[in-house]
Amino acid sequence: MAGKELRKLSKTELLELLVEQGRENLALKTRLEAAEAELAERRLAMAESGSIAEAALKLSGVFEAAQKAIDLYRENCERECAEILERARHAAQAGETPGGKEETEG
């Protein structure tokens, strides 16, 4: 309201305006507090989701390391098995028994 309009109002009307403004001010403060609380919750949720994402990445690293160890173990087993089979073939071609002695006829 303009100054001229306010001057034309009675004291009662001015008090009513003041009370109404107080109520509106209180309602706005309540809305602001609710909005700030919601913002704080969202910030917390974002921080937690960041922590969860970091934890998932760390776990992913653990799983990757475990997979590498499994792959290395498998490769070593395959190589050892191949070596054992190769020695067995050579022994069979040389006429040796599995104990390392040559077979005798007789």
PDB file of N, CA and C in Angstrom:
ATOM      1  N   MET A   1       0.837  -1.181   0.000  1.00  0.00           N
ATOM      2  CA  MET A   1       0.000   0.000   0.000  1.00  0.00           C
ATOM      3  C   MET A   1       0.879   1.240   0.000  1.00  0.00           C
ATOM      4  N   ALA A   2       0.371   2.217  -0.622  1.00  0.00           N
ATOM      5  CA  ALA A   2       1.085   3.479  -0.686  1.00  0.00           C
ATOM      6  C   ALA A   2       0.898   4.246   0.619  1.00  0.00           C
ATOM      7  N   GLY A   3       1.772   5.218   0.864  1.00  0.00           N
ATOM      8  CA  GLY A   3       1.726   6.003   2.105  1.00  0.00           C
ATOM      9  C   GLY A   3       0.418   6.743   2.304  1.00  0.00           C
ATOM     10  N   LYS A   4      -0.150   7.282   1.217  1.00  0.00           N
ATOM     11  CA  LYS A   4      -1.413   8.019   1.320  1.00  0.00           C
ATOM     12  C   LYS A   4      -2.535   7.096   1.756  1.00  0.00           C
ATOM     13  N   GLU A   5      -2.552   5.861   1.212  1.00  0.00           N
ATOM     14  CA  GLU A   5      -3.601   4.907   1.561  1.00  0.00           C
ATOM     15  C   GLU A   5      -3.476   4.493   3.015  1.00  0.00           C
ATOM     16  N   LEU A   6      -2.230   4.324   3.498  1.00  0.00           N
ATOM     17  CA  LEU A   6      -2.032   3.952   4.897  1.00  0.00           C
ATOM     18  C   LEU A   6      -2.507   5.059   5.838  1.00  0.00           C
ATOM     19  N   ARG A   7      -2.317   6.301   5.453  1.00  0.00           N
ATOM     20  CA  ARG A   7      -2.738   7.422   6.297  1.00  0.00           C
ATOM     21  C   ARG A   7      -4.254   7.481   6.432  1.00  0.00           C
ATOM     22  N   LYS A   8      -4.960   6.983   5.451  1.00  0.00           N
ATOM     23  CA  LYS A   8      -6.419   7.029   5.472  1.00  0.00           C
ATOM     24  C   LYS A   8      -7.013   5.935   6.359  1.00  0.00           C
ATOM     25  N   LEU A   9      -6.209   4.905   6.733  1.00  0.00           N
ATOM     26  CA  LEU A   9      -6.729   3.788   7.529  1.00  0.00           C
ATOM     27  C   LEU A   9      -6.808   4.166   8.997  1.00  0.00           C
ATOM     28  N   SER A  10      -7.768   3.553   9.672  1.00  0.00           N
ATOM     29  CA  SER A  10      -7.902   3.792  11.111  1.00  0.00           C
ATOM     30  C   SER A  10      -6.856   2.972  11.860  1.00  0.00           C
ATOM     31  N   LYS A  11      -6.719   3.256  13.143  1.00  0.00           N
ATOM     32  CA  LYS A  11      -5.752   2.509  13.953  1.00  0.00           C
ATOM     33  C   LYS A  11      -6.089   1.027  13.975  1.00  0.00           C
ATOM     34  N   THR A  12      -7.353   0.706  14.036  1.00  0.00           N
ATOM     35  CA  THR A  12      -7.782  -0.693  14.060  1.00  0.00           C
ATOM     36  C   THR A  12      -7.393  -1.385  12.764  1.00  0.00           C
ATOM     37  N   GLU A  13      -7.623  -0.720  11.656  1.00  0.00           N
ATOM     38  CA  GLU A  13      -7.271  -1.291  10.355  1.00  0.00           C
ATOM     39  C   GLU A  13      -5.755  -1.468  10.222  1.00  0.00           C
ATOM     40  N   LEU A  14      -4.996  -0.493  10.739  1.00  0.00           N
ATOM     41  CA  LEU A  14      -3.539  -0.607  10.710  1.00  0.00           C
ATOM     42  C   LEU A  14      -3.062  -1.781  11.568  1.00  0.00           C
ATOM     43  N   LEU A  15      -3.681  -1.937  12.741  1.00  0.00           N
ATOM     44  CA  LEU A  15      -3.333  -3.075  13.607  1.00  0.00           C
ATOM     45  C   LEU A  15      -3.680  -4.393  12.940  1.00  0.00           C
ATOM     46  N   GLU A  16      -4.803  -4.469  12.261  1.00  0.00           N
ATOM     47  CA  GLU A  16      -5.186  -5.681  11.542  1.00  0.00           C
ATOM     48  C   GLU A  16      -4.166  -6.000  10.445  1.00  0.00           C
ATOM     49  N   LEU A  17      -3.711  -4.973   9.734  1.00  0.00           N
ATOM     50  CA  LEU A  17      -2.683  -5.175   8.713  1.00  0.00           C
ATOM     51  C   LEU A  17      -1.391  -5.692   9.343  1.00  0.00           C
ATOM     52  N   LEU A  18      -1.042  -5.106  10.482  1.00  0.00           N
ATOM     53  CA  LEU A  18       0.173  -5.517  11.172  1.00  0.00           C
ATOM     54  C   LEU A  18       0.073  -6.964  11.647  1.00  0.00           C
ATOM     55  N   VAL A  19      -1.070  -7.354  12.179  1.00  0.00           N
ATOM     56  CA  VAL A  19      -1.286  -8.742  12.628  1.00  0.00           C
ATOM     57  C   VAL A  19      -1.216  -9.687  11.432  1.00  0.00           C
ATOM     58  N   GLU A  20      -1.837  -9.299  10.338  1.00  0.00           N
ATOM     59  CA  GLU A  20      -1.809 -10.126   9.121  1.00  0.00           C
ATOM     60  C   GLU A  20      -0.375 -10.284   8.613  1.00  0.00           C
ATOM     61  N   GLN A  21       0.374  -9.181   8.621  1.00  0.00           N
ATOM     62  CA  GLN A  21       1.778  -9.254   8.200  1.00  0.00           C
ATOM     63  C   GLN A  21       2.582 -10.167   9.129  1.00  0.00           C
ATOM     64  N   GLY A  22       2.281 -10.128  10.427  1.00  0.00           N
ATOM     65  CA  GLY A  22       2.959 -11.005  11.392  1.00  0.00           C
ATOM     66  C   GLY A  22       2.666 -12.470  11.110  1.00  0.00           C
ATOM     67  N   ARG A  23       1.403 -12.770  10.831  1.00  0.00           N
ATOM     68  CA  ARG A  23       1.022 -14.151  10.495  1.00  0.00           C
ATOM     69  C   ARG A  23       1.728 -14.621   9.226  1.00  0.00           C
ATOM     70  N   GLU A  24       1.735 -13.751   8.223  1.00  0.00           N
ATOM     71  CA  GLU A  24       2.399 -14.100   6.974  1.00  0.00           C
ATOM     72  C   GLU A  24       3.899 -14.306   7.202  1.00  0.00           C
ATOM     73  N   ASN A  25       4.481 -13.452   8.037  1.00  0.00           N
ATOM     74  CA  ASN A  25       5.896 -13.581   8.362  1.00  0.00           C
ATOM     75  C   ASN A  25       6.172 -14.918   9.066  1.00  0.00           C
ATOM     76  N   LEU A  26       5.317 -15.293  10.005  1.00  0.00           N
ATOM     77  CA  LEU A  26       5.469 -16.562  10.718  1.00  0.00           C
ATOM     78  C   LEU A  26       5.324 -17.750   9.764  1.00  0.00           C
ATOM     79  N   ALA A  27       4.359 -17.678   8.848  1.00  0.00           N
ATOM     80  CA  ALA A  27       4.163 -18.753   7.877  1.00  0.00           C
ATOM     81  C   ALA A  27       5.383 -18.881   6.967  1.00  0.00           C
ATOM     82  N   LEU A  28       5.933 -17.754   6.550  1.00  0.00           N
ATOM     83  CA  LEU A  28       7.115 -17.794   5.689  1.00  0.00           C
ATOM     84  C   LEU A  28       8.325 -18.356   6.440  1.00  0.00           C
ATOM     85  N   LYS A  29       8.445 -18.008   7.723  1.00  0.00           N
ATOM     86  CA  LYS A  29       9.549 -18.565   8.518  1.00  0.00           C
ATOM     87  C   LYS A  29       9.411 -20.079   8.635  1.00  0.00           C
ATOM     88  N   THR A  30       8.182 -20.544   8.828  1.00  0.00           N
ATOM     89  CA  THR A  30       7.934 -21.981   8.930  1.00  0.00           C
ATOM     90  C   THR A  30       8.295 -22.677   7.621  1.00  0.00           C
ATOM     91  N   ARG A  31       7.892 -22.107   6.508  1.00  0.00           N
ATOM     92  CA  ARG A  31       8.226 -22.681   5.201  1.00  0.00           C
ATOM     93  C   ARG A  31       9.738 -22.689   4.973  1.00  0.00           C
ATOM     94  N   LEU A  32      10.395 -21.615   5.389  1.00  0.00           N
ATOM     95  CA  LEU A  32      11.845 -21.530   5.232  1.00  0.00           C
ATOM     96  C   LEU A  32      12.545 -22.614   6.055  1.00  0.00           C
ATOM     97  N   GLU A  33      12.108 -22.809   7.298  1.00  0.00           N
ATOM     98  CA  GLU A  33      12.703 -23.850   8.138  1.00  0.00           C
ATOM     99  C   GLU A  33      12.503 -25.232   7.528  1.00  0.00           C
ATOM    100  N   ALA A  34      11.310 -25.474   6.981  1.00  0.00           N
ATOM    101  CA  ALA A  34      11.041 -26.767   6.344  1.00  0.00           C
ATOM    102  C   ALA A  34      11.924 -26.949   5.112  1.00  0.00           C
ATOM    103  N   ALA A  35      12.079 -25.896   4.324  1.00  0.00           N
ATOM    104  CA  ALA A  35      12.916 -25.979   3.125  1.00  0.00           C
ATOM    105  C   ALA A  35      14.382 -26.197   3.501  1.00  0.00           C
ATOM    106  N   GLU A  36      14.847 -25.533   4.562  1.00  0.00           N
ATOM    107  CA  GLU A  36      16.229 -25.724   5.015  1.00  0.00           C
ATOM    108  C   GLU A  36      16.446 -27.142   5.526  1.00  0.00           C
ATOM    109  N   ALA A  37      15.452 -27.691   6.241  1.00  0.00           N
ATOM    110  CA  ALA A  37      15.563 -29.065   6.732  1.00  0.00           C
ATOM    111  C   ALA A  37      15.620 -30.050   5.567  1.00  0.00           C
ATOM    112  N   GLU A  38      14.780 -29.818   4.564  1.00  0.00           N
ATOM    113  CA  GLU A  38      14.792 -30.684   3.379  1.00  0.00           C
ATOM    114  C   GLU A  38      16.127 -30.589   2.650  1.00  0.00           C
ATOM    115  N   LEU A  39      16.658 -29.385   2.550  1.00  0.00           N
ATOM    116  CA  LEU A  39      17.955 -29.196   1.903  1.00  0.00           C
ATOM    117  C   LEU A  39      19.051 -29.935   2.668  1.00  0.00           C
ATOM    118  N   ALA A  40      19.008 -29.876   3.980  1.00  0.00           N
ATOM    119  CA  ALA A  40      20.005 -30.579   4.796  1.00  0.00           C
ATOM    120  C   ALA A  40      19.897 -32.089   4.580  1.00  0.00           C
ATOM    121  N   GLU A  41      18.667 -32.599   4.493  1.00  0.00           N
ATOM    122  CA  GLU A  41      18.471 -34.026   4.238  1.00  0.00           C
ATOM    123  C   GLU A  41      19.019 -34.418   2.870  1.00  0.00           C
ATOM    124  N   ARG A  42      18.780 -33.589   1.882  1.00  0.00           N
ATOM    125  CA  ARG A  42      19.284 -33.885   0.534  1.00  0.00           C
ATOM    126  C   ARG A  42      20.803 -33.861   0.496  1.00  0.00           C
ATOM    127  N   ARG A  43      21.387 -32.890   1.205  1.00  0.00           N
ATOM    128  CA  ARG A  43      22.853 -32.832   1.258  1.00  0.00           C
ATOM    129  C   ARG A  43      23.414 -34.083   1.920  1.00  0.00           C
ATOM    130  N   LEU A  44      22.767 -34.525   2.999  1.00  0.00           N
ATOM    131  CA  LEU A  44      23.202 -35.733   3.681  1.00  0.00           C
ATOM    132  C   LEU A  44      23.062 -36.942   2.763  1.00  0.00           C
ATOM    133  N   ALA A  45      21.940 -37.018   2.062  1.00  0.00           N
ATOM    134  CA  ALA A  45      21.723 -38.136   1.135  1.00  0.00           C
ATOM    135  C   ALA A  45      22.770 -38.121   0.028  1.00  0.00           C
ATOM    136  N   MET A  46      23.119 -36.941  -0.465  1.00  0.00           N
ATOM    137  CA  MET A  46      24.132 -36.846  -1.510  1.00  0.00           C
ATOM    138  C   MET A  46      25.498 -37.266  -0.971  1.00  0.00           C
ATOM    139  N   ALA A  47      25.796 -36.856   0.259  1.00  0.00           N
ATOM    140  CA  ALA A  47      27.079 -37.236   0.856  1.00  0.00           C
ATOM    141  C   ALA A  47      27.134 -38.741   1.060  1.00  0.00           C
ATOM    142  N   GLU A  48      26.015 -39.316   1.527  1.00  0.00           N
ATOM    143  CA  GLU A  48      25.973 -40.766   1.733  1.00  0.00           C
ATOM    144  C   GLU A  48      26.072 -41.508   0.410  1.00  0.00           C
ATOM    145  N   SER A  49      25.417 -41.002  -0.619  1.00  0.00           N
ATOM    146  CA  SER A  49      25.492 -41.678  -1.912  1.00  0.00           C
ATOM    147  C   SER A  49      26.912 -41.601  -2.449  1.00  0.00           C
ATOM    148  N   GLY A  50      27.592 -40.501  -2.186  1.00  0.00           N
ATOM    149  CA  GLY A  50      28.993 -40.407  -2.571  1.00  0.00           C
ATOM    150  C   GLY A  50      29.827 -41.437  -1.836  1.00  0.00           C
ATOM    151  N   SER A  51      29.540 -41.621  -0.544  1.00  0.00           N
ATOM    152  CA  SER A  51      30.265 -42.617   0.239  1.00  0.00           C
ATOM    153  C   SER A  51      29.974 -44.019  -0.268  1.00  0.00           C
ATOM    154  N   ILE A  52      28.726 -44.266  -0.628  1.00  0.00           N
ATOM    155  CA  ILE A  52      28.346 -45.581  -1.153  1.00  0.00           C
ATOM    156  C   ILE A  52      29.044 -45.827  -2.485  1.00  0.00           C
ATOM    157  N   ALA A  53      29.095 -44.795  -3.322  1.00  0.00           N
ATOM    158  CA  ALA A  53      29.767 -44.948  -4.616  1.00  0.00           C
ATOM    159  C   ALA A  53      31.260 -45.216  -4.411  1.00  0.00           C
ATOM    160  N   GLU A  54      31.869 -44.499  -3.468  1.00  0.00           N
ATOM    161  CA  GLU A  54      33.283 -44.736  -3.188  1.00  0.00           C
ATOM    162  C   GLU A  54      33.506 -46.149  -2.675  1.00  0.00           C
ATOM    163  N   ALA A  55      32.615 -46.603  -1.785  1.00  0.00           N
ATOM    164  CA  ALA A  55      32.743 -47.960  -1.253  1.00  0.00           C
ATOM    165  C   ALA A  55      32.597 -48.989  -2.364  1.00  0.00           C
ATOM    166  N   ALA A  56      31.667 -48.754  -3.273  1.00  0.00           N
ATOM    167  CA  ALA A  56      31.482 -49.683  -4.391  1.00  0.00           C
ATOM    168  C   ALA A  56      32.729 -49.731  -5.269  1.00  0.00           C
ATOM    169  N   LEU A  57      33.328 -48.564  -5.496  1.00  0.00           N
ATOM    170  CA  LEU A  57      34.558 -48.540  -6.294  1.00  0.00           C
ATOM    171  C   LEU A  57      35.681 -49.285  -5.588  1.00  0.00           C
ATOM    172  N   LYS A  58      35.772 -49.100  -4.277  1.00  0.00           N
ATOM    173  CA  LYS A  58      36.810 -49.809  -3.524  1.00  0.00           C
ATOM    174  C   LYS A  58      36.572 -51.310  -3.569  1.00  0.00           C
ATOM    175  N   LEU A  59      35.308 -51.720  -3.402  1.00  0.00           N
ATOM    176  CA  LEU A  59      34.994 -53.146  -3.492  1.00  0.00           C
ATOM    177  C   LEU A  59      35.287 -53.671  -4.881  1.00  0.00           C
ATOM    178  N   SER A  60      35.005 -52.867  -5.876  1.00  0.00           N
ATOM    179  CA  SER A  60      35.294 -53.271  -7.241  1.00  0.00           C
ATOM    180  C   SER A  60      36.784 -53.532  -7.391  1.00  0.00           C
ATOM    181  N   GLY A  61      37.607 -52.692  -6.790  1.00  0.00           N
ATOM    182  CA  GLY A  61      39.050 -52.891  -6.823  1.00  0.00           C
ATOM    183  C   GLY A  61      39.459 -54.179  -6.137  1.00  0.00           C
ATOM    184  N   VAL A  62      38.797 -54.503  -5.026  1.00  0.00           N
ATOM    185  CA  VAL A  62      39.090 -55.745  -4.313  1.00  0.00           C
ATOM    186  C   VAL A  62      38.729 -56.935  -5.193  1.00  0.00           C
ATOM    187  N   PHE A  63      37.569 -56.858  -5.838  1.00  0.00           N
ATOM    188  CA  PHE A  63      37.140 -57.952  -6.703  1.00  0.00           C
ATOM    189  C   PHE A  63      38.070 -58.104  -7.901  1.00  0.00           C
ATOM    190  N   GLU A  64      38.531 -56.977  -8.445  1.00  0.00           N
ATOM    191  CA  GLU A  64      39.455 -57.041  -9.576  1.00  0.00           C
ATOM    192  C   GLU A  64      40.766 -57.707  -9.148  1.00  0.00           C
ATOM    193  N   ALA A  65      41.266 -57.353  -7.969  1.00  0.00           N
ATOM    194  CA  ALA A  65      42.504 -57.963  -7.474  1.00  0.00           C
ATOM    195  C   ALA A  65      42.309 -59.457  -7.241  1.00  0.00           C
ATOM    196  N   ALA A  66      41.160 -59.828  -6.700  1.00  0.00           N
ATOM    197  CA  ALA A  66      40.873 -61.244  -6.473  1.00  0.00           C
ATOM    198  C   ALA A  66      40.797 -61.993  -7.803  1.00  0.00           C
ATOM    199  N   GLN A  67      40.177 -61.379  -8.803  1.00  0.00           N
ATOM    200  CA  GLN A  67      40.080 -62.022 -10.115  1.00  0.00           C
ATOM    201  C   GLN A  67      41.462 -62.203 -10.730  1.00  0.00           C
ATOM    202  N   LYS A  68      42.334 -61.197 -10.570  1.00  0.00           N
ATOM    203  CA  LYS A  68      43.695 -61.311 -11.094  1.00  0.00           C
ATOM    204  C   LYS A  68      44.435 -62.458 -10.405  1.00  0.00           C
ATOM    205  N   ALA A  69      44.251 -62.587  -9.090  1.00  0.00           N
ATOM    206  CA  ALA A  69      44.902 -63.673  -8.358  1.00  0.00           C
ATOM    207  C   ALA A  69      44.384 -65.033  -8.829  1.00  0.00           C
ATOM    208  N   ILE A  70      43.095 -65.121  -9.069  1.00  0.00           N
ATOM    209  CA  ILE A  70      42.505 -66.374  -9.559  1.00  0.00           C
ATOM    210  C   ILE A  70      43.054 -66.706 -10.938  1.00  0.00           C
ATOM    211  N   ASP A  71      43.111 -65.700 -11.806  1.00  0.00           N
ATOM    212  CA  ASP A  71      43.637 -65.924 -13.162  1.00  0.00           C
ATOM    213  C   ASP A  71      45.092 -66.374 -13.121  1.00  0.00           C
ATOM    214  N   LEU A  72      45.896 -65.753 -12.277  1.00  0.00           N
ATOM    215  CA  LEU A  72      47.304 -66.121 -12.148  1.00  0.00           C
ATOM    216  C   LEU A  72      47.447 -67.550 -11.627  1.00  0.00           C
ATOM    217  N   TYR A  73      46.641 -67.904 -10.624  1.00  0.00           N
ATOM    218  CA  TYR A  73      46.673 -69.259 -10.073  1.00  0.00           C
ATOM    219  C   TYR A  73      46.298 -70.284 -11.143  1.00  0.00           C
ATOM    220  N   ARG A  74      45.259 -69.977 -11.913  1.00  0.00           N
ATOM    221  CA  ARG A  74      44.818 -70.882 -12.973  1.00  0.00           C
ATOM    222  C   ARG A  74      45.914 -71.057 -14.031  1.00  0.00           C
ATOM    223  N   GLU A  75      46.545 -69.950 -14.404  1.00  0.00           N
ATOM    224  CA  GLU A  75      47.621 -70.031 -15.397  1.00  0.00           C
ATOM    225  C   GLU A  75      48.778 -70.890 -14.878  1.00  0.00           C
ATOM    226  N   ASN A  76      49.134 -70.715 -13.616  1.00  0.00           N
ATOM    227  CA  ASN A  76      50.202 -71.526 -13.034  1.00  0.00           C
ATOM    228  C   ASN A  76      49.831 -73.007 -13.016  1.00  0.00           C
ATOM    229  N   CYS A  77      48.591 -73.299 -12.643  1.00  0.00           N
ATOM    230  CA  CYS A  77      48.128 -74.697 -12.633  1.00  0.00           C
ATOM    231  C   CYS A  77      48.168 -75.293 -14.032  1.00  0.00           C
ATOM    232  N   GLU A  78      47.703 -74.541 -15.016  1.00  0.00           N
ATOM    233  CA  GLU A  78      47.711 -75.026 -16.396  1.00  0.00           C
ATOM    234  C   GLU A  78      49.139 -75.274 -16.872  1.00  0.00           C
ATOM    235  N   ARG A  79      50.048 -74.360 -16.537  1.00  0.00           N
ATOM    236  CA  ARG A  79      51.442 -74.519 -16.951  1.00  0.00           C
ATOM    237  C   ARG A  79      52.068 -75.756 -16.282  1.00  0.00           C
ATOM    238  N   GLU A  80      51.836 -75.956 -14.995  1.00  0.00           N
ATOM    239  CA  GLU A  80      52.374 -77.114 -14.290  1.00  0.00           C
ATOM    240  C   GLU A  80      51.799 -78.416 -14.850  1.00  0.00           C
ATOM    241  N   CYS A  81      50.492 -78.399 -15.132  1.00  0.00           N
ATOM    242  CA  CYS A  81      49.871 -79.596 -15.716  1.00  0.00           C
ATOM    243  C   CYS A  81      50.477 -79.902 -17.076  1.00  0.00           C
ATOM    244  N   ALA A  82      50.698 -78.875 -17.878  1.00  0.00           N
ATOM    245  CA  ALA A  82      51.302 -79.073 -19.190  1.00  0.00           C
ATOM    246  C   ALA A  82      52.712 -79.633 -19.051  1.00  0.00           C
ATOM    247  N   GLU A  83      53.469 -79.136 -18.082  1.00  0.00           N
ATOM    248  CA  GLU A  83      54.829 -79.649 -17.858  1.00  0.00           C
ATOM    249  C   GLU A  83      54.794 -81.114 -17.427  1.00  0.00           C
ATOM    250  N   ILE A  84      53.881 -81.460 -16.541  1.00  0.00           N
ATOM    251  CA  ILE A  84      53.757 -82.844 -16.082  1.00  0.00           C
ATOM    252  C   ILE A  84      53.383 -83.750 -17.250  1.00  0.00           C
ATOM    253  N   LEU A  85      52.424 -83.318 -18.072  1.00  0.00           N
ATOM    254  CA  LEU A  85      52.030 -84.114 -19.239  1.00  0.00           C
ATOM    255  C   LEU A  85      53.188 -84.269 -20.216  1.00  0.00           C
ATOM    256  N   GLU A  86      53.962 -83.226 -20.404  1.00  0.00           N
ATOM    257  CA  GLU A  86      55.103 -83.291 -21.316  1.00  0.00           C
ATOM    258  C   GLU A  86      56.143 -84.272 -20.793  1.00  0.00           C
ATOM    259  N   ARG A  87      56.426 -84.241 -19.503  1.00  0.00           N
ATOM    260  CA  ARG A  87      57.373 -85.197 -18.924  1.00  0.00           C
ATOM    261  C   ARG A  87      56.856 -86.620 -19.053  1.00  0.00           C
ATOM    262  N   ALA A  88      55.554 -86.806 -18.869  1.00  0.00           N
ATOM    263  CA  ALA A  88      54.965 -88.136 -18.986  1.00  0.00           C
ATOM    264  C   ALA A  88      55.078 -88.643 -20.434  1.00  0.00           C
ATOM    265  N   ARG A  89      54.884 -87.745 -21.405  1.00  0.00           N
ATOM    266  CA  ARG A  89      55.021 -88.143 -22.818  1.00  0.00           C
ATOM    267  C   ARG A  89      56.460 -88.560 -23.130  1.00  0.00           C
ATOM    268  N   HIS A  90      57.391 -87.755 -22.638  1.00  0.00           N
ATOM    269  CA  HIS A  90      58.808 -88.092 -22.870  1.00  0.00           C
ATOM    270  C   HIS A  90      59.158 -89.420 -22.221  1.00  0.00           C
ATOM    271  N   ALA A  91      58.629 -89.633 -21.043  1.00  0.00           N
ATOM    272  CA  ALA A  91      58.915 -90.886 -20.330  1.00  0.00           C
ATOM    273  C   ALA A  91      58.305 -92.062 -21.088  1.00  0.00           C
ATOM    274  N   ALA A  92      57.092 -91.866 -21.618  1.00  0.00           N
ATOM    275  CA  ALA A  92      56.434 -92.941 -22.360  1.00  0.00           C
ATOM    276  C   ALA A  92      57.203 -93.235 -23.646  1.00  0.00           C
ATOM    277  N   GLN A  93      57.691 -92.226 -24.293  1.00  0.00           N
ATOM    278  CA  GLN A  93      58.454 -92.428 -25.522  1.00  0.00           C
ATOM    279  C   GLN A  93      59.797 -93.112 -25.241  1.00  0.00           C
ATOM    280  N   ALA A  94      60.346 -92.842 -24.073  1.00  0.00           N
ATOM    281  CA  ALA A  94      61.639 -93.441 -23.721  1.00  0.00           C
ATOM    282  C   ALA A  94      61.456 -94.846 -23.152  1.00  0.00           C
ATOM    283  N   GLY A  95      60.237 -95.247 -22.929  1.00  0.00           N
ATOM    284  CA  GLY A  95      59.952 -96.581 -22.423  1.00  0.00           C
ATOM    285  C   GLY A  95      60.058 -96.686 -20.912  1.00  0.00           C
ATOM    286  N   GLU A  96      59.959 -95.584 -20.236  1.00  0.00           N
ATOM    287  CA  GLU A  96      60.027 -95.605 -18.780  1.00  0.00           C
ATOM    288  C   GLU A  96      58.642 -95.803 -18.198  1.00  0.00           C
ATOM    289  N   THR A  97      58.614 -96.362 -17.004  1.00  0.00           N
ATOM    290  CA  THR A  97      57.360 -96.498 -16.271  1.00  0.00           C
ATOM    291  C   THR A  97      57.113 -95.204 -15.519  1.00  0.00           C
ATOM    292  N   PRO A  98      55.922 -95.014 -15.036  1.00  0.00           N
ATOM    293  CA  PRO A  98      55.623 -93.773 -14.320  1.00  0.00           C
ATOM    294  C   PRO A  98      56.549 -93.549 -13.120  1.00  0.00           C
ATOM    295  N   GLY A  99      57.143 -94.604 -12.533  1.00  0.00           N
ATOM    296  CA  GLY A  99      58.038 -94.433 -11.402  1.00  0.00           C
ATOM    297  C   GLY A  99      59.415 -93.972 -11.824  1.00  0.00           C
ATOM    298  N   GLY A 100      59.709 -93.895 -13.087  1.00  0.00           N
ATOM    299  CA  GLY A 100      60.979 -93.408 -13.559  1.00  0.00           C
ATOM    300  C   GLY A 100      61.917 -94.535 -14.013  1.00  0.00           C
ATOM    301  N   LYS A 101      61.513 -95.808 -13.890  1.00  0.00           N
ATOM    302  CA  LYS A 101      62.367 -96.923 -14.298  1.00  0.00           C
ATOM    303  C   LYS A 101      61.952 -97.387 -15.677  1.00  0.00           C
ATOM    304  N   GLU A 102      62.942 -97.908 -16.408  1.00  0.00           N
ATOM    305  CA  GLU A 102      62.640 -98.422 -17.735  1.00  0.00           C
ATOM    306  C   GLU A 102      61.930 -99.757 -17.619  1.00  0.00           C
ATOM    307  N   GLU A 103      61.004 -99.972 -18.549  1.00  0.00           N
ATOM    308  CA  GLU A 103      60.271-101.247 -18.548  1.00  0.00           C
ATOM    309  C   GLU A 103      61.174-102.346 -19.102  1.00  0.00           C
ATOM    310  N   THR A 104      61.065-103.504 -18.513  1.00  0.00           N
ATOM    311  CA  THR A 104      61.828-104.647 -19.007  1.00  0.00           C
ATOM    312  C   THR A 104      60.854-105.720 -19.453  1.00  0.00           C
ATOM    313  N   GLU A 105      61.237-106.373 -20.509  1.00  0.00           N
ATOM    314  CA  GLU A 105      60.339-107.422 -21.000  1.00  0.00           C
ATOM    315  C   GLU A 105      60.682-108.701 -20.277  1.00  0.00           C
ATOM    316  N   GLY A 106      59.677-109.470 -19.982  1.00  0.00           N
ATOM    317  CA  GLY A 106      59.990-110.638 -19.477  1.00  0.00           C
ATOM    318  C   GLY A 106      59.685-111.622 -18.688  1.00  0.00           C
TER     319      GLY A 106
END
